[in-house]
Amino acid sequence: MYKYDEYDQTIVDSRVAEFRDQVARRIAGEITEDQFKPLRLMNGLYLQLHAYMLRVAVPYGTLSGKQMRTLGHIARKYDRGYGHFTTRQNIQYNWIKLEEAPDILAELAAVEMHAIQTSGNCIRNISSDQYAGAAADEIEDPRPWAELLRQWSSFHPEFSYLPRKFKIAVIASDEDRAAIQLHDIGLQIRHNDAGELGFRVYVGGGMGRTPMIAPVIRDFLPAADFVSYMEACLRVYNRYGRRDNIYKARIKILVHEIGAAEYARQVEEEWAHVKTLGLDPPPGEFERIAAHFAPPAFETGLSDEIDRSDPDFALWLDSNTHAHKQPGYAIAVISLKPIGGIPGDASAEQIELMADLAERYSFDELRVTHAQNIVLPHVKKADLYALWKALDDAGLGTANLDLISDIIACPGLDYCSLANARSIPIAQKIAKRFENMDRQRDLGELKLKISGCINACGHHHAGHIGILGVDRKGEENYQLLFGGSGAEDASLAKIAGPGFNEDGIVDAVEKAVETYRTLREDGERFVDTYRRVGMQPFKEAIYG
C-alpha cells in the first residue's frame, strides 16, 4: 500500500497545526461558528444533531493493521467505543468533542491518515474495488491510478471550490464492485483492440434527489493521458456547473442539460489545450507510485483444498469468500451486519481484532467496502478456518454477504441533521424479520439499501429493494423502491407507491420478497424477476 513521502507527511502535519489554531480561536470566541464552519468542514468535521462528527479518509478503502488499530484506539479514547464505516470507504466517529478534534487529527497523521477533503465542494475520497490487487478477474490493480488521482486532486487550487462535491471511482474488471456508473466520474481500466491499456470514462452519474446513470463520454482514454483528461473534465464542469442552485449543481445536471455528446465535445476541446501544459506525470512517477502496490510475497505451491467438515464454516466460506488471483489464497469478507446490529458499525475491540487478523493472515492489509463491510484481501486457504473461528467468536462471522440482511444504511435521523427519518431501526427490524439464514440463502442475492433522506447516502436508488425515509406531516414515512442496481447492470429503482410507517415498511418488504419467491424462475435474483415481470405484481401484493 502507498506510503507517505516527505511531502505527504509535511502537508498533513501542517494541516493539523493549522486546524489546532483554528479550534483554539473558535473555543476562545475569536471567530464565530459561521466563520469556523468552512474551516472545520475542510477537515472533515461536521456538526450533527447531538455532537460533532469526524469523517476520516481511507483512500480507495485500503488500510494497514497499524492504521486500523489506530482507528480502534480513536473510537475508544475520543468516541463512545465504536466507529461507523461508510459507503465512501471511509470511517466516521459520531460523538467527537471539538476541543479534542486536533488531537485526533494528530494521531491520524502519525499513521499516515487524515480527514482532508472528506467534506466540502471538492474532489472527495477516491474509491475503488475493494478486491483490487487480489481479484482473479481484474486486468491490473486499479489502486495506483486511484492514488495518482488522490495526489493530483489534493489541494488542487482550481478544484477546491467546485459547484458541488465531486466523487470518482476506479475499477479494473468487468464486474463493477464500486458502482462507477453512479459517480460523477467512473473509470474502468481496459485494453483496446490493439492491447493498449486505457480507460472507459463515464461522467455524470449520481444519486440524491435527481438520480442518474452516467453515460460513457469516451470509450478508450490512453493511460498516458489520464491526468490531463481528468483535468479537462473538471475544468468544463467548474466553468459551467450551476452555482446558483445547490439542487442543480452536480455534474450530472450539466451533462443531462447539455447532453453527453456536447459535454464530451467540450472536454475534448479543453483537453487539446490542457495537454500542452505538461500535467501528465512522466512514466517514472507512475512507476514510483505503482511500486507501493506490488503484490505481497505469496507462497507458491499451496493447496486449494479446504476442509469443509464444519457446516457453519462451509456456509461462511460459500458466502463470504471470493476468488483470488493467486492459487492457494482467497479474499475474505468480514460482515459488519450481524442480525440486529447497526450496519457498518464496529466496536473498538472489533476494529483492533480486525487489525490483528490482518497482520496475522492477510499481509497486514485490510479494505473498507462501499457496502460497509471489511475485507482481508490475501488469506491463505489453509488459514480460513482459523480466521473464521476468530471472527465468529467476536461477532464478526455472519455469513450473509449480498443477502437480504447485508443491508446498506446511512446513520439517518439518529445522528444526521439532514435526515428526515431513521434508517438504523428499519435495518435492524428487517434483518430480524429475516434472521433465519436458511430463508436468506433461499432468497439468494438481494441487495437492500436504506436512506434517511433524499440525499441517498444509503444508496436506496441502487438497491434491488430500496427504502427512502421522508417526512410526511411531521411523521417518519418510508417509501419502497424496486429494481435498482449499482453493478455493471446499473439501473435506478422506482417507487412502488404510497409510503409506510416503521412497522408497515417491514411488512411491505416481506410481501415483496414472498412475491418474488412465487414468481422467480431458476437462477433469478430478485432484481431479475422484477425486471422480467415489472412493478404490477409487487404492487398488487403490497397494496391489494
Protein backbone atom coordinates (compact mmCIF):
# COMPACT_ATOMS: atom_id res chain seq x y z
CA MET A 1 0.00 0.00 0.00
CA TYR A 2 1.06 3.60 -0.53
CA LYS A 3 3.48 5.12 2.00
CA TYR A 4 3.74 8.86 2.57
CA ASP A 5 6.80 10.64 1.29
CA GLU A 6 8.16 13.77 2.96
CA TYR A 7 5.74 15.98 1.04
CA ASP A 8 2.68 13.97 2.08
CA GLN A 9 3.69 13.98 5.72
CA THR A 10 4.54 17.67 5.76
CA ILE A 11 1.20 18.57 4.20
CA VAL A 12 -0.78 16.54 6.72
CA ASP A 13 1.23 17.70 9.73
CA SER A 14 0.88 21.32 8.65
CA ARG A 15 -2.88 20.95 8.31
CA VAL A 16 -3.10 19.54 11.85
CA ALA A 17 -1.19 22.54 13.26
CA GLU A 18 -3.34 24.96 11.30
CA PHE A 19 -6.57 23.37 12.49
CA ARG A 20 -5.39 23.26 16.10
CA ASP A 21 -5.02 27.05 15.96
CA GLN A 22 -8.45 27.45 14.33
CA VAL A 23 -10.14 25.34 17.01
CA ALA A 24 -8.43 27.31 19.79
CA ARG A 25 -9.67 30.55 18.27
CA ARG A 26 -13.21 29.17 17.99
CA ILE A 27 -13.26 27.98 21.61
CA ALA A 28 -11.91 31.36 22.74
CA GLY A 29 -14.70 33.13 20.85
CA GLU A 30 -12.30 34.90 18.49
CA ILE A 31 -14.20 33.57 15.47
CA THR A 32 -17.93 32.82 15.11
CA GLU A 33 -19.49 29.49 14.15
CA ASP A 34 -20.26 30.91 10.70
CA GLN A 35 -16.59 31.79 10.28
CA PHE A 36 -15.46 28.46 11.71
CA LYS A 37 -17.82 26.23 9.71
CA PRO A 38 -15.89 26.25 6.39
CA LEU A 39 -12.64 25.67 8.30
CA ARG A 40 -13.89 22.62 10.18
CA LEU A 41 -15.54 21.18 7.07
CA MET A 42 -12.19 21.36 5.26
CA ASN A 43 -11.01 18.96 7.98
CA GLY A 44 -13.95 16.57 7.83
CA LEU A 45 -15.63 17.85 10.99
CA TYR A 46 -19.43 18.14 10.83
CA LEU A 47 -21.85 19.42 13.45
CA GLN A 48 -24.62 16.83 13.64
CA LEU A 49 -27.74 16.52 15.77
CA HIS A 50 -26.04 15.64 19.05
CA ALA A 51 -22.30 16.22 18.65
CA TYR A 52 -19.53 16.78 16.14
CA MET A 53 -18.91 14.00 13.63
CA LEU A 54 -15.46 13.42 12.15
CA ARG A 55 -15.13 11.68 8.79
CA VAL A 56 -11.70 10.13 8.21
CA ALA A 57 -10.45 9.43 4.69
CA VAL A 58 -9.47 5.90 3.73
CA PRO A 59 -8.15 6.35 0.17
CA TYR A 60 -9.55 3.63 -2.12
CA GLY A 61 -10.51 1.76 1.06
CA THR A 62 -7.01 0.43 1.85
CA LEU A 63 -5.68 0.22 5.42
CA SER A 64 -2.74 -1.35 7.21
CA GLY A 65 -3.11 -3.14 10.52
CA LYS A 66 -1.41 -0.23 12.29
CA GLN A 67 -3.83 2.25 10.77
CA MET A 68 -6.81 0.07 11.62
CA ARG A 69 -5.60 -0.29 15.19
CA THR A 70 -5.34 3.49 15.45
CA LEU A 71 -8.96 3.77 14.31
CA GLY A 72 -9.94 1.45 17.15
CA HIS A 73 -7.91 3.50 19.60
CA ILE A 74 -9.63 6.70 18.48
CA ALA A 75 -13.05 5.03 18.85
CA ARG A 76 -12.22 4.11 22.44
CA LYS A 77 -10.47 7.32 23.51
CA TYR A 78 -12.43 10.02 21.71
CA ASP A 79 -15.80 8.48 20.79
CA ARG A 80 -18.18 6.10 22.56
CA GLY A 81 -16.27 2.96 21.72
CA TYR A 82 -17.16 2.41 18.09
CA GLY A 83 -16.73 3.71 14.55
CA HIS A 84 -19.04 3.70 11.54
CA PHE A 85 -17.69 2.55 8.16
CA THR A 86 -19.34 4.38 5.27
CA THR A 87 -20.38 3.86 1.67
CA ARG A 88 -17.45 6.06 0.57
CA GLN A 89 -14.95 3.56 2.07
CA ASN A 90 -14.31 5.97 4.97
CA ILE A 91 -14.92 5.82 8.71
CA GLN A 92 -16.97 8.26 10.79
CA TYR A 93 -16.97 9.00 14.51
CA ASN A 94 -20.28 10.39 15.75
CA TRP A 95 -19.50 11.72 19.25
CA ILE A 96 -16.47 13.99 18.90
CA LYS A 97 -15.64 16.87 21.25
CA LEU A 98 -14.46 19.97 19.42
CA GLU A 99 -11.50 20.56 21.72
CA GLU A 100 -10.22 17.02 21.05
CA ALA A 101 -10.55 17.10 17.24
CA PRO A 102 -6.98 18.40 16.63
CA ASP A 103 -5.58 15.63 18.84
CA ILE A 104 -7.44 13.05 16.75
CA LEU A 105 -6.03 14.52 13.55
CA ALA A 106 -2.54 14.41 15.06
CA GLU A 107 -2.94 10.73 15.94
CA LEU A 108 -4.17 10.04 12.42
CA ALA A 109 -1.22 11.93 10.91
CA ALA A 110 1.16 9.73 12.90
CA VAL A 111 -0.08 6.72 10.91
CA GLU A 112 -0.35 8.46 7.53
CA MET A 113 -4.06 9.27 7.68
CA HIS A 114 -6.14 12.44 7.62
CA ALA A 115 -9.64 13.88 7.19
CA ILE A 116 -8.81 16.28 4.36
CA GLN A 117 -11.38 16.62 1.54
CA THR A 118 -13.92 14.37 3.25
CA SER A 119 -16.31 17.30 3.10
CA GLY A 120 -16.90 20.40 1.04
CA ASN A 121 -17.28 21.15 -2.65
CA CYS A 122 -14.08 19.44 -3.68
CA ILE A 123 -12.92 16.09 -5.03
CA ARG A 124 -13.75 13.65 -2.24
CA ASN A 125 -12.07 10.37 -1.28
CA ILE A 126 -11.20 8.37 -4.42
CA SER A 127 -12.92 4.99 -4.19
CA SER A 128 -12.15 1.69 -5.87
CA ASP A 129 -12.87 -2.02 -5.98
CA GLN A 130 -12.47 -3.49 -2.51
CA TYR A 131 -10.88 -6.56 -4.09
CA ALA A 132 -8.28 -4.52 -6.02
CA GLY A 133 -4.90 -6.20 -6.31
CA ALA A 134 -6.38 -9.57 -5.35
CA ALA A 135 -9.35 -10.31 -7.61
CA ALA A 136 -8.90 -13.02 -10.21
CA ASP A 137 -10.95 -11.08 -12.77
CA GLU A 138 -9.09 -7.75 -12.80
CA ILE A 139 -6.84 -6.52 -15.61
CA GLU A 140 -4.45 -4.90 -13.15
CA ASP A 141 -4.55 -3.26 -9.74
CA PRO A 142 -6.57 -0.03 -10.10
CA ARG A 143 -5.27 1.49 -6.84
CA PRO A 144 -2.09 3.06 -8.27
CA TRP A 145 -4.33 5.02 -10.63
CA ALA A 146 -6.60 5.96 -7.72
CA GLU A 147 -3.53 7.12 -5.79
CA LEU A 148 -2.40 9.18 -8.78
CA LEU A 149 -5.83 10.83 -8.74
CA ARG A 150 -5.53 11.44 -4.99
CA GLN A 151 -2.21 13.20 -5.41
CA TRP A 152 -3.45 15.24 -8.37
CA SER A 153 -6.66 16.28 -6.61
CA SER A 154 -5.37 17.03 -3.09
CA PHE A 155 -5.46 20.81 -2.56
CA HIS A 156 -5.92 21.35 -6.30
CA PRO A 157 -6.20 25.16 -6.41
CA GLU A 158 -8.76 25.24 -9.20
CA PHE A 159 -10.96 22.48 -7.82
CA SER A 160 -11.09 23.32 -4.10
CA TYR A 161 -14.39 25.19 -4.52
CA LEU A 162 -16.32 23.35 -7.19
CA PRO A 163 -20.04 23.97 -7.75
CA ARG A 164 -20.69 20.85 -5.64
CA LYS A 165 -18.91 17.84 -4.12
CA PHE A 166 -17.27 15.51 -6.62
CA LYS A 167 -16.83 11.73 -6.44
CA ILE A 168 -14.59 9.49 -8.57
CA ALA A 169 -14.24 5.69 -8.61
CA VAL A 170 -11.79 3.42 -10.46
CA ILE A 171 -12.16 -0.29 -11.25
CA ALA A 172 -10.27 -2.78 -13.43
CA SER A 173 -12.73 -5.61 -14.12
CA ASP A 174 -15.97 -6.15 -15.99
CA GLU A 175 -17.74 -6.82 -12.71
CA ASP A 176 -18.40 -3.44 -11.16
CA ARG A 177 -17.92 -3.63 -7.40
CA ALA A 178 -17.64 0.14 -6.92
CA ALA A 179 -20.82 1.48 -8.61
CA ILE A 180 -18.82 3.57 -11.09
CA GLN A 181 -21.89 4.48 -13.17
CA LEU A 182 -23.36 6.25 -10.13
CA HIS A 183 -20.32 8.50 -9.66
CA ASP A 184 -19.54 11.95 -11.02
CA ILE A 185 -16.70 10.24 -12.88
CA GLY A 186 -16.39 6.47 -13.17
CA LEU A 187 -13.31 4.89 -14.70
CA GLN A 188 -12.92 1.32 -15.93
CA ILE A 189 -9.42 0.16 -16.82
CA ARG A 190 -9.46 -1.86 -20.04
CA HIS A 191 -7.50 -2.75 -23.15
CA ASN A 192 -8.35 -1.56 -26.65
CA ASP A 193 -8.26 -3.79 -29.72
CA ALA A 194 -4.53 -3.15 -30.04
CA GLY A 195 -3.93 -4.38 -26.49
CA GLU A 196 -3.08 -0.91 -25.14
CA LEU A 197 -4.02 -0.01 -21.59
CA GLY A 198 -6.53 2.76 -21.01
CA PHE A 199 -9.87 3.73 -19.51
CA ARG A 200 -13.53 3.75 -20.37
CA VAL A 201 -14.76 7.07 -18.95
CA TYR A 202 -18.24 7.58 -17.51
CA VAL A 203 -19.30 11.08 -16.46
CA GLY A 204 -22.49 12.40 -14.90
CA GLY A 205 -23.81 9.70 -12.59
CA GLY A 206 -25.12 10.18 -9.10
CA MET A 207 -27.92 9.62 -6.65
CA GLY A 208 -29.61 12.19 -4.40
CA ARG A 209 -32.85 13.90 -5.37
CA THR A 210 -32.10 13.55 -9.11
CA PRO A 211 -30.54 10.11 -9.63
CA MET A 212 -28.82 9.47 -12.94
CA ILE A 213 -26.70 6.76 -14.51
CA ALA A 214 -23.52 8.13 -16.06
CA PRO A 215 -23.14 7.87 -19.84
CA VAL A 216 -19.86 6.90 -21.49
CA ILE A 217 -18.17 10.02 -22.82
CA ARG A 218 -15.00 8.29 -24.01
CA ASP A 219 -14.78 4.59 -24.74
CA PHE A 220 -10.99 4.50 -24.60
CA LEU A 221 -8.66 7.01 -22.99
CA PRO A 222 -4.95 6.11 -23.30
CA ALA A 223 -3.36 5.65 -19.89
CA ALA A 224 -0.66 8.21 -20.68
CA ASP A 225 -3.33 10.94 -20.97
CA PHE A 226 -5.11 10.08 -17.74
CA VAL A 227 -4.43 13.15 -15.59
CA SER A 228 -4.76 15.77 -18.32
CA TYR A 229 -8.11 14.33 -19.40
CA MET A 230 -9.41 14.35 -15.82
CA GLU A 231 -8.27 17.97 -15.59
CA ALA A 232 -10.25 18.81 -18.72
CA CYS A 233 -13.37 17.06 -17.39
CA LEU A 234 -13.25 19.04 -14.16
CA ARG A 235 -12.47 22.34 -15.91
CA VAL A 236 -15.58 22.11 -18.09
CA TYR A 237 -17.70 21.31 -15.03
CA ASN A 238 -16.12 24.06 -12.94
CA ARG A 239 -16.77 26.56 -15.72
CA TYR A 240 -20.40 25.71 -16.45
CA GLY A 241 -21.72 23.89 -13.37
CA ARG A 242 -24.60 25.66 -11.65
CA ARG A 243 -23.61 27.73 -8.61
CA ASP A 244 -26.95 29.47 -8.18
CA ASN A 245 -28.92 26.38 -7.15
CA ILE A 246 -27.50 23.71 -4.85
CA TYR A 247 -30.00 21.16 -6.17
CA LYS A 248 -28.77 21.59 -9.74
CA ALA A 249 -25.07 21.95 -9.04
CA ARG A 250 -23.81 18.39 -9.58
CA ILE A 251 -22.10 17.48 -12.84
CA LYS A 252 -24.92 15.04 -13.66
CA ILE A 253 -27.23 18.05 -14.17
CA LEU A 254 -24.76 19.72 -16.53
CA VAL A 255 -24.27 16.55 -18.58
CA HIS A 256 -28.02 15.96 -18.69
CA GLU A 257 -28.88 19.52 -19.73
CA ILE A 258 -26.31 19.98 -22.49
CA GLY A 259 -26.17 16.29 -23.44
CA ALA A 260 -23.37 13.78 -23.11
CA ALA A 261 -22.18 14.37 -26.67
CA GLU A 262 -21.86 18.12 -26.18
CA TYR A 263 -20.15 17.71 -22.81
CA ALA A 264 -17.70 15.24 -24.39
CA ARG A 265 -17.05 17.68 -27.24
CA GLN A 266 -16.25 20.47 -24.83
CA VAL A 267 -13.96 18.20 -22.82
CA GLU A 268 -12.07 17.22 -25.97
CA GLU A 269 -11.72 20.89 -26.88
CA GLU A 270 -10.45 21.77 -23.41
CA TRP A 271 -8.20 18.73 -23.37
CA ALA A 272 -6.45 19.86 -26.55
CA HIS A 273 -5.26 22.87 -24.56
CA VAL A 274 -4.63 21.07 -21.25
CA LYS A 275 -2.36 18.52 -22.94
CA THR A 276 0.08 21.33 -23.74
CA LEU A 277 0.52 22.20 -20.04
CA GLY A 278 2.59 19.18 -19.07
CA LEU A 279 0.20 17.91 -16.39
CA ASP A 280 0.54 14.22 -17.20
CA PRO A 281 3.25 12.73 -14.98
CA PRO A 282 6.27 11.06 -16.58
CA PRO A 283 6.17 7.24 -16.60
CA GLY A 284 8.70 7.17 -13.80
CA GLU A 285 6.29 8.88 -11.42
CA PHE A 286 3.53 6.36 -12.03
CA GLU A 287 6.04 3.54 -11.66
CA ARG A 288 7.11 5.04 -8.31
CA ILE A 289 3.52 5.01 -7.11
CA ALA A 290 2.78 1.56 -8.52
CA ALA A 291 5.80 0.09 -6.69
CA HIS A 292 3.94 0.67 -3.42
CA PHE A 293 1.23 -1.69 -4.63
CA ALA A 294 3.47 -4.60 -5.63
CA PRO A 295 1.88 -7.96 -4.78
CA PRO A 296 2.86 -9.38 -1.38
CA ALA A 297 5.26 -12.30 -1.07
CA PHE A 298 2.74 -15.04 -1.78
CA GLU A 299 3.74 -18.61 -1.07
CA THR A 300 3.66 -20.87 -4.08
CA GLY A 301 2.62 -24.48 -4.40
CA LEU A 302 -0.19 -24.13 -1.88
CA SER A 303 -3.17 -26.45 -1.99
CA ASP A 304 -6.60 -25.16 -2.93
CA GLU A 305 -8.28 -27.83 -0.82
CA ILE A 306 -10.30 -26.67 2.19
CA ASP A 307 -11.72 -28.84 4.96
CA ARG A 308 -15.46 -28.13 4.87
CA SER A 309 -16.48 -30.58 7.59
CA ASP A 310 -17.75 -27.82 9.90
CA PRO A 311 -21.12 -26.89 8.31
CA ASP A 312 -21.19 -23.36 9.75
CA PHE A 313 -17.73 -22.66 8.36
CA ALA A 314 -18.77 -24.09 4.99
CA LEU A 315 -21.67 -21.65 4.82
CA TRP A 316 -19.39 -18.71 5.63
CA LEU A 317 -16.89 -19.97 3.08
CA ASP A 318 -19.52 -20.07 0.33
CA SER A 319 -20.96 -16.67 1.25
CA ASN A 320 -18.06 -14.51 2.41
CA THR A 321 -15.04 -15.50 0.34
CA HIS A 322 -14.12 -14.55 -3.22
CA ALA A 323 -11.75 -15.95 -5.83
CA HIS A 324 -8.14 -14.75 -5.57
CA LYS A 325 -5.70 -14.44 -8.47
CA GLN A 326 -3.05 -16.39 -6.54
CA PRO A 327 -3.55 -20.17 -6.18
CA GLY A 328 -3.94 -21.24 -2.58
CA TYR A 329 -5.35 -17.87 -1.46
CA ALA A 330 -8.80 -16.37 -1.05
CA ILE A 331 -10.37 -12.97 -0.41
CA ALA A 332 -12.29 -12.97 2.88
CA VAL A 333 -15.11 -10.55 3.67
CA ILE A 334 -15.88 -9.63 7.27
CA SER A 335 -19.55 -8.80 7.69
CA LEU A 336 -20.38 -5.75 9.81
CA LYS A 337 -24.07 -6.70 9.56
CA PRO A 338 -24.88 -9.08 12.42
CA ILE A 339 -28.59 -9.69 12.89
CA GLY A 340 -29.90 -6.81 14.99
CA GLY A 341 -26.70 -4.80 14.64
CA ILE A 342 -26.14 -1.35 13.13
CA PRO A 343 -24.90 -1.68 9.54
CA GLY A 344 -21.29 -0.54 9.22
CA ASP A 345 -20.64 -0.15 12.95
CA ALA A 346 -17.71 -1.87 14.67
CA SER A 347 -16.61 -1.60 18.27
CA ALA A 348 -13.11 -0.54 19.23
CA GLU A 349 -12.39 -4.13 20.23
CA GLN A 350 -13.64 -5.47 16.90
CA ILE A 351 -11.63 -2.89 14.96
CA GLU A 352 -8.48 -3.85 16.85
CA LEU A 353 -9.18 -7.55 16.34
CA MET A 354 -9.53 -6.99 12.59
CA ALA A 355 -6.16 -5.23 12.67
CA ASP A 356 -4.63 -8.21 14.47
CA LEU A 357 -6.14 -10.66 11.98
CA ALA A 358 -4.89 -8.62 9.03
CA GLU A 359 -1.36 -8.75 10.40
CA ARG A 360 -1.63 -12.46 11.09
CA TYR A 361 -3.43 -13.68 8.00
CA SER A 362 -3.53 -11.01 5.24
CA PHE A 363 -0.09 -9.45 4.79
CA ASP A 364 -1.06 -6.57 7.07
CA GLU A 365 -3.76 -5.25 4.76
CA LEU A 366 -7.48 -4.53 5.03
CA ARG A 367 -10.10 -2.90 2.81
CA VAL A 368 -13.28 -0.99 3.55
CA THR A 369 -16.08 -1.78 1.10
CA HIS A 370 -18.72 0.61 -0.19
CA ALA A 371 -21.24 -1.88 1.23
CA GLN A 372 -19.92 -1.10 4.75
CA ASN A 373 -18.03 -4.32 5.32
CA ILE A 374 -14.31 -5.08 5.74
CA VAL A 375 -12.11 -7.24 3.51
CA LEU A 376 -8.97 -9.21 4.23
CA PRO A 377 -7.69 -9.45 0.65
CA HIS A 378 -4.92 -12.08 0.85
CA VAL A 379 -5.72 -15.04 3.09
CA LYS A 380 -4.22 -18.49 2.63
CA LYS A 381 -6.99 -21.02 2.18
CA ALA A 382 -5.33 -23.11 4.87
CA ASP A 383 -5.90 -20.23 7.32
CA LEU A 384 -9.54 -19.58 6.51
CA TYR A 385 -10.95 -21.83 9.23
CA ALA A 386 -8.83 -20.25 11.97
CA LEU A 387 -9.76 -16.81 10.66
CA TRP A 388 -13.46 -17.62 10.68
CA LYS A 389 -13.30 -19.01 14.23
CA ALA A 390 -11.69 -15.80 15.47
CA LEU A 391 -14.27 -13.69 13.65
CA ASP A 392 -17.19 -15.78 14.84
CA ASP A 393 -16.08 -15.54 18.46
CA ALA A 394 -16.07 -11.72 18.11
CA GLY A 395 -19.49 -11.45 16.46
CA LEU A 396 -17.96 -10.82 13.05
CA GLY A 397 -18.59 -14.20 11.42
CA THR A 398 -22.05 -13.63 9.96
CA ALA A 399 -22.32 -15.48 6.64
CA ASN A 400 -24.61 -13.03 4.87
CA LEU A 401 -22.63 -11.26 2.14
CA ASP A 402 -25.08 -9.93 -0.52
CA LEU A 403 -28.06 -11.49 1.27
CA ILE A 404 -31.08 -9.52 2.49
CA SER A 405 -29.55 -8.85 5.93
CA ASP A 406 -26.36 -7.41 4.38
CA ILE A 407 -28.08 -4.03 4.41
CA ILE A 408 -26.53 -0.70 3.46
CA ALA A 409 -27.89 2.06 5.69
CA CYS A 410 -26.95 5.66 6.43
CA PRO A 411 -26.92 6.92 10.05
CA GLY A 412 -30.27 8.61 9.42
CA LEU A 413 -32.15 10.72 11.92
CA ASP A 414 -30.40 9.09 14.86
CA TYR A 415 -27.40 11.28 14.04
CA CYS A 416 -27.68 13.26 10.82
CA SER A 417 -29.03 16.83 10.83
CA LEU A 418 -30.14 16.45 7.19
CA ALA A 419 -32.19 13.29 7.67
CA ASN A 420 -35.98 13.12 7.70
CA ALA A 421 -36.30 9.63 9.16
CA ARG A 422 -34.34 6.97 10.97
CA SER A 423 -32.56 4.28 8.96
CA ILE A 424 -30.94 2.17 11.67
CA PRO A 425 -34.11 0.81 13.35
CA ILE A 426 -35.55 -0.13 9.94
CA ALA A 427 -32.42 -2.05 9.05
CA GLN A 428 -32.45 -3.82 12.41
CA LYS A 429 -36.12 -4.81 12.13
CA ILE A 430 -35.78 -6.11 8.57
CA ALA A 431 -32.69 -8.13 9.47
CA LYS A 432 -34.55 -9.55 12.48
CA ARG A 433 -37.58 -10.43 10.35
CA PHE A 434 -35.32 -12.40 8.01
CA GLU A 435 -32.89 -13.73 10.63
CA ASN A 436 -33.36 -17.35 9.56
CA MET A 437 -30.25 -17.96 7.48
CA ASP A 438 -31.81 -20.83 5.50
CA ARG A 439 -34.51 -18.40 4.40
CA GLN A 440 -31.93 -15.80 3.44
CA ARG A 441 -29.91 -18.27 1.41
CA ASP A 442 -33.06 -19.46 -0.34
CA LEU A 443 -33.74 -15.87 -1.41
CA GLY A 444 -30.20 -15.54 -2.79
CA GLU A 445 -28.58 -12.26 -3.75
CA LEU A 446 -30.86 -9.47 -2.63
CA LYS A 447 -29.36 -6.04 -2.04
CA LEU A 448 -31.42 -3.89 0.29
CA LYS A 449 -30.41 -0.26 0.87
CA ILE A 450 -31.88 2.38 3.17
CA SER A 451 -31.53 6.17 3.18
CA GLY A 452 -32.92 8.52 5.81
CA CYS A 453 -33.40 11.35 3.32
CA ILE A 454 -33.32 12.23 -0.36
CA ASN A 455 -29.54 12.78 -0.27
CA ALA A 456 -29.26 8.99 -0.68
CA CYS A 457 -26.23 8.29 1.49
CA GLY A 458 -27.69 4.79 1.90
CA HIS A 459 -27.81 4.31 -1.90
CA HIS A 460 -31.52 3.44 -1.94
CA HIS A 461 -31.72 4.22 -5.67
CA ALA A 462 -29.27 1.36 -6.31
CA GLY A 463 -30.98 -1.27 -4.18
CA HIS A 464 -32.76 -4.31 -5.57
CA ILE A 465 -35.06 -3.14 -2.80
CA GLY A 466 -34.59 0.46 -1.71
CA ILE A 467 -36.13 2.32 1.20
CA LEU A 468 -36.28 6.12 1.43
CA GLY A 469 -37.24 7.84 4.65
CA VAL A 470 -39.26 11.04 4.22
CA ASP A 471 -41.15 13.47 6.44
CA ARG A 472 -44.91 13.23 5.99
CA LYS A 473 -46.75 15.86 8.02
CA GLY A 474 -44.24 15.60 10.83
CA GLU A 475 -44.20 11.78 10.87
CA GLU A 476 -41.48 9.44 9.64
CA ASN A 477 -42.64 7.72 6.45
CA TYR A 478 -40.87 5.18 4.29
CA GLN A 479 -41.13 4.84 0.53
CA LEU A 480 -40.45 1.44 -1.04
CA LEU A 481 -38.48 1.17 -4.30
CA PHE A 482 -37.68 -1.77 -6.57
CA GLY A 483 -35.27 -2.59 -9.37
CA GLY A 484 -32.07 -0.67 -8.65
CA SER A 485 -28.51 -1.85 -9.16
CA GLY A 486 -25.11 -0.25 -8.69
CA ALA A 487 -23.30 -3.03 -10.52
CA GLU A 488 -22.33 -3.34 -14.17
CA ASP A 489 -26.07 -3.74 -14.94
CA ALA A 490 -26.72 -0.35 -13.34
CA SER A 491 -30.35 0.73 -13.01
CA LEU A 492 -32.35 3.12 -10.86
CA ALA A 493 -35.01 1.84 -8.50
CA LYS A 494 -38.59 3.05 -8.90
CA ILE A 495 -41.05 3.98 -6.17
CA ALA A 496 -43.77 1.36 -5.74
CA GLY A 497 -46.47 3.62 -4.30
CA PRO A 498 -47.52 5.32 -1.07
CA GLY A 499 -45.17 5.07 1.89
CA PHE A 500 -45.44 3.22 5.19
CA ASN A 501 -44.76 3.71 8.86
CA GLU A 502 -41.91 1.90 10.60
CA ASP A 503 -43.69 -1.42 11.08
CA GLY A 504 -45.54 -1.17 7.77
CA ILE A 505 -42.35 -0.91 5.72
CA VAL A 506 -41.03 -4.13 7.24
CA ASP A 507 -44.27 -5.93 6.36
CA ALA A 508 -44.16 -4.47 2.85
CA VAL A 509 -40.61 -5.75 2.31
CA GLU A 510 -41.70 -9.22 3.39
CA LYS A 511 -44.66 -9.17 0.99
CA ALA A 512 -42.37 -8.13 -1.85
CA VAL A 513 -39.92 -10.89 -1.03
CA GLU A 514 -42.64 -13.54 -0.90
CA THR A 515 -43.99 -12.28 -4.24
CA TYR A 516 -40.54 -12.75 -5.70
CA ARG A 517 -40.41 -16.32 -4.33
CA THR A 518 -43.64 -17.24 -6.11
CA LEU A 519 -42.67 -15.60 -9.42
CA ARG A 520 -38.96 -16.34 -9.78
CA GLU A 521 -37.56 -18.68 -12.38
CA ASP A 522 -34.47 -20.83 -11.94
CA GLY A 523 -31.38 -18.77 -11.17
CA GLU A 524 -33.18 -15.44 -10.99
CA ARG A 525 -32.22 -12.86 -8.41
CA PHE A 526 -34.88 -10.57 -7.01
CA VAL A 527 -33.87 -7.81 -9.41
CA ASP A 528 -34.00 -10.21 -12.39
CA THR A 529 -37.55 -11.27 -11.55
CA TYR A 530 -38.61 -7.66 -11.07
CA ARG A 531 -37.15 -6.69 -14.44
CA ARG A 532 -38.97 -9.57 -16.13
CA VAL A 533 -42.44 -9.17 -14.58
CA GLY A 534 -42.46 -5.45 -13.80
CA MET A 535 -43.88 -3.50 -10.88
CA GLN A 536 -47.53 -4.54 -11.03
CA PRO A 537 -47.38 -7.97 -9.31
CA PHE A 538 -45.45 -6.44 -6.43
CA LYS A 539 -47.87 -3.52 -6.08
CA GLU A 540 -50.84 -5.87 -6.02
CA ALA A 541 -49.24 -7.98 -3.30
CA ILE A 542 -48.30 -4.98 -1.17
CA TYR A 543 -51.25 -2.62 -1.66
CA GLY A 544 -54.01 -5.08 -2.61
